[in-house]
Amino acid sequence: MSKFIATKHKEYTTWTNIIANTTQPSRSSFASLNKKGVKVCDRWKSFEAFVLDMGVRPQDTYLKRRNSHRDYSPDNCYWAPYNRDTLID
């Protein structure tokens, strides 16, 4: 998938955010994730692999980790629906 095509996908925005949140100290979530040792799994360092594992992001969802102390990986992430509890989750 070309980078031009990828950047048009909402999945690409999610993917770039999880990469940045776990690698860039200037990101607000970096300190918390780094303290827990949370990283992006090696497989997901490829956008194509991320999309193959997660599929198309359904409308009104966000990427959620089942266990907030574990890495971003296929076995720990899913598309969760936004709801009124999302902001306190």
N, C-alpha and C. Protein backbone atom coordinates (compact mmCIF):
# COMPACT_ATOMS: atom_id res chain seq x y z
N MET A 1 0.86 -1.18 0.00
CA MET A 1 0.00 0.00 0.00
C MET A 1 0.90 1.24 0.00
N SER A 2 0.63 2.14 -0.90
CA SER A 2 1.46 3.34 -0.95
C SER A 2 1.14 4.24 0.24
N LYS A 3 2.13 5.03 0.62
CA LYS A 3 1.93 5.94 1.75
C LYS A 3 0.80 6.92 1.45
N PHE A 4 0.69 7.37 0.20
CA PHE A 4 -0.38 8.31 -0.16
C PHE A 4 -1.75 7.69 0.10
N ILE A 5 -1.93 6.45 -0.31
CA ILE A 5 -3.21 5.77 -0.10
C ILE A 5 -3.43 5.52 1.39
N ALA A 6 -2.40 5.09 2.10
CA ALA A 6 -2.52 4.76 3.52
C ALA A 6 -2.95 5.97 4.34
N THR A 7 -2.43 7.14 4.04
CA THR A 7 -2.73 8.32 4.85
C THR A 7 -4.20 8.73 4.75
N LYS A 8 -4.93 8.19 3.80
CA LYS A 8 -6.35 8.51 3.67
C LYS A 8 -7.22 7.63 4.56
N HIS A 9 -6.65 6.65 5.20
CA HIS A 9 -7.42 5.71 6.01
C HIS A 9 -7.43 6.14 7.48
N LYS A 10 -8.59 6.01 8.12
CA LYS A 10 -8.67 6.33 9.56
C LYS A 10 -7.80 5.36 10.37
N GLU A 11 -7.58 4.16 9.83
CA GLU A 11 -6.71 3.20 10.51
C GLU A 11 -5.27 3.73 10.56
N TYR A 12 -4.87 4.45 9.53
CA TYR A 12 -3.52 5.01 9.48
C TYR A 12 -3.33 6.04 10.59
N THR A 13 -4.33 6.85 10.83
CA THR A 13 -4.25 7.84 11.91
C THR A 13 -4.10 7.14 13.26
N THR A 14 -4.89 6.10 13.47
CA THR A 14 -4.78 5.33 14.72
C THR A 14 -3.39 4.74 14.86
N TRP A 15 -2.90 4.13 13.79
CA TRP A 15 -1.58 3.49 13.82
C TRP A 15 -0.47 4.51 14.10
N THR A 16 -0.49 5.65 13.41
CA THR A 16 0.56 6.65 13.65
C THR A 16 0.49 7.18 15.08
N ASN A 17 -0.71 7.27 15.64
CA ASN A 17 -0.85 7.73 17.03
C ASN A 17 -0.26 6.73 18.02
N ILE A 18 -0.50 5.43 17.83
CA ILE A 18 0.06 4.48 18.80
C ILE A 18 1.58 4.41 18.68
N ILE A 19 2.09 4.55 17.46
CA ILE A 19 3.56 4.58 17.29
C ILE A 19 4.12 5.81 17.99
N ALA A 20 3.55 6.96 17.74
CA ALA A 20 4.04 8.20 18.34
C ALA A 20 3.89 8.20 19.86
N ASN A 21 2.76 7.72 20.36
CA ASN A 21 2.52 7.71 21.81
C ASN A 21 3.52 6.85 22.57
N THR A 22 4.08 5.85 21.90
CA THR A 22 5.01 4.94 22.57
C THR A 22 6.48 5.24 22.25
N THR A 23 6.74 6.20 21.36
CA THR A 23 8.13 6.47 20.98
C THR A 23 8.56 7.93 21.12
N GLN A 24 7.62 8.84 21.25
CA GLN A 24 7.96 10.26 21.28
C GLN A 24 7.69 10.87 22.65
N PRO A 25 8.76 11.19 23.39
CA PRO A 25 8.59 11.76 24.73
C PRO A 25 7.75 13.03 24.77
N SER A 26 7.63 13.73 23.67
CA SER A 26 6.83 14.96 23.66
C SER A 26 5.32 14.68 23.69
N ARG A 27 4.90 13.45 23.45
CA ARG A 27 3.48 13.11 23.47
C ARG A 27 3.00 13.00 24.92
N SER A 28 1.79 13.47 25.19
CA SER A 28 1.28 13.50 26.56
C SER A 28 1.13 12.11 27.17
N SER A 29 0.87 11.11 26.38
CA SER A 29 0.68 9.76 26.92
C SER A 29 1.98 8.97 27.04
N PHE A 30 3.08 9.50 26.52
CA PHE A 30 4.33 8.76 26.51
C PHE A 30 4.80 8.37 27.91
N ALA A 31 4.79 9.29 28.85
CA ALA A 31 5.31 9.01 30.20
C ALA A 31 4.57 7.86 30.86
N SER A 32 3.26 7.87 30.76
CA SER A 32 2.45 6.80 31.37
C SER A 32 2.72 5.46 30.69
N LEU A 33 2.72 5.45 29.37
CA LEU A 33 2.97 4.21 28.64
C LEU A 33 4.38 3.70 28.89
N ASN A 34 5.35 4.60 28.87
CA ASN A 34 6.74 4.23 29.09
C ASN A 34 6.95 3.66 30.49
N LYS A 35 6.31 4.26 31.49
CA LYS A 35 6.42 3.78 32.87
C LYS A 35 5.90 2.34 32.99
N LYS A 36 4.85 2.02 32.24
CA LYS A 36 4.29 0.66 32.25
C LYS A 36 5.06 -0.30 31.35
N GLY A 37 5.98 0.25 30.54
CA GLY A 37 6.73 -0.57 29.61
C GLY A 37 5.96 -0.93 28.35
N VAL A 38 4.89 -0.18 28.06
CA VAL A 38 4.03 -0.48 26.91
C VAL A 38 4.72 -0.03 25.62
N LYS A 39 4.72 -0.94 24.66
CA LYS A 39 5.28 -0.68 23.35
C LYS A 39 4.31 -1.17 22.28
N VAL A 40 4.66 -0.93 21.04
CA VAL A 40 3.93 -1.51 19.91
C VAL A 40 4.69 -2.78 19.53
N CYS A 41 3.97 -3.88 19.37
CA CYS A 41 4.63 -5.15 19.03
C CYS A 41 5.40 -5.00 17.71
N ASP A 42 6.41 -5.83 17.53
CA ASP A 42 7.24 -5.74 16.32
C ASP A 42 6.42 -5.85 15.05
N ARG A 43 5.45 -6.75 15.03
CA ARG A 43 4.62 -6.94 13.83
C ARG A 43 3.92 -5.65 13.43
N TRP A 44 3.44 -4.90 14.41
CA TRP A 44 2.67 -3.69 14.12
C TRP A 44 3.53 -2.49 13.80
N LYS A 45 4.81 -2.67 13.68
CA LYS A 45 5.65 -1.56 13.21
C LYS A 45 5.43 -1.37 11.71
N SER A 46 4.69 -2.29 11.11
CA SER A 46 4.26 -2.20 9.72
C SER A 46 2.77 -1.86 9.69
N PHE A 47 2.43 -0.78 8.99
CA PHE A 47 1.02 -0.39 8.90
C PHE A 47 0.19 -1.50 8.26
N GLU A 48 0.73 -2.12 7.23
CA GLU A 48 -0.01 -3.17 6.54
C GLU A 48 -0.37 -4.32 7.50
N ALA A 49 0.57 -4.71 8.35
CA ALA A 49 0.31 -5.78 9.31
C ALA A 49 -0.75 -5.36 10.33
N PHE A 50 -0.69 -4.10 10.76
CA PHE A 50 -1.69 -3.58 11.70
C PHE A 50 -3.08 -3.71 11.09
N VAL A 51 -3.24 -3.30 9.84
CA VAL A 51 -4.56 -3.36 9.18
C VAL A 51 -4.99 -4.81 8.95
N LEU A 52 -4.06 -5.67 8.58
CA LEU A 52 -4.41 -7.08 8.39
C LEU A 52 -4.93 -7.69 9.69
N ASP A 53 -4.31 -7.33 10.81
CA ASP A 53 -4.71 -7.89 12.10
C ASP A 53 -5.99 -7.27 12.64
N MET A 54 -6.13 -5.96 12.52
CA MET A 54 -7.27 -5.26 13.13
C MET A 54 -8.46 -5.11 12.19
N GLY A 55 -8.22 -5.14 10.90
CA GLY A 55 -9.30 -4.92 9.96
C GLY A 55 -9.68 -3.45 9.88
N VAL A 56 -10.72 -3.19 9.14
CA VAL A 56 -11.21 -1.82 8.97
C VAL A 56 -11.82 -1.34 10.29
N ARG A 57 -11.49 -0.12 10.63
CA ARG A 57 -12.02 0.47 11.87
C ARG A 57 -13.49 0.81 11.68
N PRO A 58 -14.37 0.17 12.44
CA PRO A 58 -15.79 0.51 12.33
C PRO A 58 -16.06 1.95 12.76
N GLN A 59 -17.11 2.51 12.23
CA GLN A 59 -17.49 3.87 12.59
C GLN A 59 -17.76 3.96 14.09
N ASP A 60 -17.38 5.09 14.68
CA ASP A 60 -17.62 5.38 16.10
C ASP A 60 -16.91 4.40 17.03
N THR A 61 -15.70 4.03 16.68
CA THR A 61 -14.88 3.16 17.55
C THR A 61 -13.49 3.75 17.70
N TYR A 62 -12.77 3.21 18.66
CA TYR A 62 -11.38 3.59 18.89
C TYR A 62 -10.60 2.34 19.27
N LEU A 63 -9.29 2.39 19.16
CA LEU A 63 -8.45 1.24 19.51
C LEU A 63 -8.30 1.18 21.02
N LYS A 64 -8.64 0.04 21.59
CA LYS A 64 -8.56 -0.14 23.04
C LYS A 64 -7.72 -1.38 23.34
N ARG A 65 -6.93 -1.27 24.40
CA ARG A 65 -6.17 -2.43 24.88
C ARG A 65 -6.98 -3.13 25.96
N ARG A 66 -7.06 -4.44 25.89
CA ARG A 66 -7.76 -5.22 26.91
C ARG A 66 -7.08 -5.07 28.27
N ASN A 67 -5.76 -5.07 28.26
CA ASN A 67 -4.97 -4.91 29.48
C ASN A 67 -4.07 -3.70 29.27
N SER A 68 -4.29 -2.65 30.05
CA SER A 68 -3.56 -1.40 29.84
C SER A 68 -2.08 -1.48 30.22
N HIS A 69 -1.66 -2.60 30.79
CA HIS A 69 -0.25 -2.78 31.13
C HIS A 69 0.49 -3.62 30.10
N ARG A 70 -0.22 -4.05 29.06
CA ARG A 70 0.40 -4.86 28.01
C ARG A 70 0.53 -4.05 26.73
N ASP A 71 1.35 -4.55 25.83
CA ASP A 71 1.66 -3.86 24.57
C ASP A 71 0.45 -3.72 23.65
N TYR A 72 0.61 -2.84 22.68
CA TYR A 72 -0.31 -2.77 21.56
C TYR A 72 0.04 -3.96 20.67
N SER A 73 -0.86 -4.91 20.58
CA SER A 73 -0.62 -6.13 19.81
C SER A 73 -1.97 -6.74 19.43
N PRO A 74 -1.96 -7.68 18.46
CA PRO A 74 -3.23 -8.25 18.02
C PRO A 74 -4.03 -8.93 19.12
N ASP A 75 -3.35 -9.57 20.06
CA ASP A 75 -4.07 -10.29 21.11
C ASP A 75 -4.53 -9.39 22.26
N ASN A 76 -4.12 -8.13 22.24
CA ASN A 76 -4.47 -7.24 23.34
C ASN A 76 -5.32 -6.04 22.90
N CYS A 77 -5.61 -5.92 21.62
CA CYS A 77 -6.33 -4.74 21.14
C CYS A 77 -7.60 -5.12 20.38
N TYR A 78 -8.55 -4.21 20.42
CA TYR A 78 -9.79 -4.38 19.66
C TYR A 78 -10.40 -3.00 19.41
N TRP A 79 -11.32 -2.96 18.47
CA TRP A 79 -12.05 -1.71 18.20
C TRP A 79 -13.21 -1.63 19.19
N ALA A 80 -13.16 -0.66 20.08
CA ALA A 80 -14.20 -0.49 21.10
C ALA A 80 -15.11 0.67 20.70
N PRO A 81 -16.40 0.51 20.95
CA PRO A 81 -17.32 1.60 20.60
C PRO A 81 -17.17 2.78 21.57
N TYR A 82 -17.30 3.97 21.00
CA TYR A 82 -17.37 5.15 21.86
C TYR A 82 -18.69 5.10 22.61
N ASN A 83 -18.66 5.50 23.87
CA ASN A 83 -19.90 5.60 24.65
C ASN A 83 -19.69 6.65 25.73
N ARG A 84 -20.65 6.84 26.55
CA ARG A 84 -20.54 7.90 27.56
C ARG A 84 -19.45 7.61 28.59
N ASP A 85 -19.05 6.36 28.73
CA ASP A 85 -18.00 6.01 29.69
C ASP A 85 -16.59 6.11 29.10
N THR A 86 -16.48 6.36 27.82
CA THR A 86 -15.18 6.38 27.15
C THR A 86 -14.22 7.36 27.79
N LEU A 87 -14.70 8.53 28.15
CA LEU A 87 -13.81 9.55 28.68
C LEU A 87 -13.25 9.20 30.07
N ILE A 88 -13.92 8.34 30.80
CA ILE A 88 -13.41 7.99 32.13
C ILE A 88 -12.77 6.61 32.13
N ASP A 89 -12.78 5.94 30.99
CA ASP A 89 -12.22 4.59 30.86
C ASP A 89 -10.71 4.62 30.84
